[in-house]
Amino acid sequence: MVATVAWSVISPLSAQSVSERSRSIDIPDFTRGAWQTAQPLGIVS
C-alpha cells in the first residue's frame, strides 16, 4: 500500500514543481522512517 500511495503523489508534486519553475519538491516519507532500517530482501547479491 505504501508504494501505491508514493506513486499517487508523483503527479501532484510534479505539477507543483512545474508551476514553481521546476523547483525541487520533497516527497513525503509515508514509511515514517522505516525505510532506513528495512532488512535487505536478499534478491540482489
C-alpha atoms as a PDB file:
ATOM      1  CA  MET A   1       0.000   0.000   0.000  1.00  0.00           C
ATOM      2  CA  VAL A   2       2.831   2.418   0.766  1.00  0.00           C
ATOM      3  CA  ALA A   3       4.149   2.004  -2.783  1.00  0.00           C
ATOM      4  CA  THR A   4       0.719   2.857  -4.201  1.00  0.00           C
ATOM      5  CA  VAL A   5       0.485   5.991  -2.081  1.00  0.00           C
ATOM      6  CA  ALA A   6       4.016   7.011  -3.003  1.00  0.00           C
ATOM      7  CA  TRP A   7       3.318   6.654  -6.726  1.00  0.00           C
ATOM      8  CA  SER A   8      -0.005   8.509  -6.479  1.00  0.00           C
ATOM      9  CA  VAL A   9       1.751  11.592  -5.127  1.00  0.00           C
ATOM     10  CA  ILE A  10       4.119  11.880  -8.107  1.00  0.00           C
ATOM     11  CA  SER A  11       1.669  13.660 -10.446  1.00  0.00           C
ATOM     12  CA  PRO A  12       0.564  16.373  -7.989  1.00  0.00           C
ATOM     13  CA  LEU A  13       4.134  17.015  -6.864  1.00  0.00           C
ATOM     14  CA  SER A  14       5.313  17.168 -10.477  1.00  0.00           C
ATOM     15  CA  ALA A  15       2.587  19.694 -11.255  1.00  0.00           C
ATOM     16  CA  GLN A  16       3.602  21.740  -8.220  1.00  0.00           C
ATOM     17  CA  SER A  17       7.234  21.652  -9.299  1.00  0.00           C
ATOM     18  CA  VAL A  18       6.380  22.783 -12.830  1.00  0.00           C
ATOM     19  CA  SER A  19       4.145  25.579 -11.547  1.00  0.00           C
ATOM     20  CA  GLU A  20       7.018  26.786  -9.371  1.00  0.00           C
ATOM     21  CA  ARG A  21       9.511  26.993 -12.258  1.00  0.00           C
ATOM     22  CA  SER A  22      10.820  23.408 -11.817  1.00  0.00           C
ATOM     23  CA  ARG A  23      11.649  23.858  -8.140  1.00  0.00           C
ATOM     24  CA  SER A  24      12.606  20.626  -6.338  1.00  0.00           C
ATOM     25  CA  ILE A  25       9.772  19.289  -4.196  1.00  0.00           C
ATOM     26  CA  ASP A  26      10.313  16.908  -1.275  1.00  0.00           C
ATOM     27  CA  ILE A  27       8.402  13.627  -1.452  1.00  0.00           C
ATOM     28  CA  PRO A  28       6.701  12.820   1.867  1.00  0.00           C
ATOM     29  CA  ASP A  29       8.076   9.836   3.808  1.00  0.00           C
ATOM     30  CA  PHE A  30       4.997   7.625   4.059  1.00  0.00           C
ATOM     31  CA  THR A  31       7.056   4.977   5.907  1.00  0.00           C
ATOM     32  CA  ARG A  32       7.804   7.358   8.817  1.00  0.00           C
ATOM     33  CA  GLY A  33      11.488   6.489   8.514  1.00  0.00           C
ATOM     34  CA  ALA A  34      11.034   2.701   8.415  1.00  0.00           C
ATOM     35  CA  TRP A  35      12.892   2.554   5.091  1.00  0.00           C
ATOM     36  CA  GLN A  36      16.110   3.388   6.944  1.00  0.00           C
ATOM     37  CA  THR A  37      16.032   0.171   8.990  1.00  0.00           C
ATOM     38  CA  ALA A  38      14.417  -2.201   6.469  1.00  0.00           C
ATOM     39  CA  GLN A  39      16.147  -5.550   6.095  1.00  0.00           C
ATOM     40  CA  PRO A  40      17.512  -6.447   2.635  1.00  0.00           C
ATOM     41  CA  LEU A  41      15.287  -8.813   0.659  1.00  0.00           C
ATOM     42  CA  GLY A  42      18.238 -10.907  -0.499  1.00  0.00           C
ATOM     43  CA  ILE A  43      17.178 -10.857  -4.141  1.00  0.00           C
ATOM     44  CA  VAL A  44      20.250  -8.945  -5.301  1.00  0.00           C
ATOM     45  CA  SER A  45      23.745 -10.071  -4.469  1.00  0.00           C
END
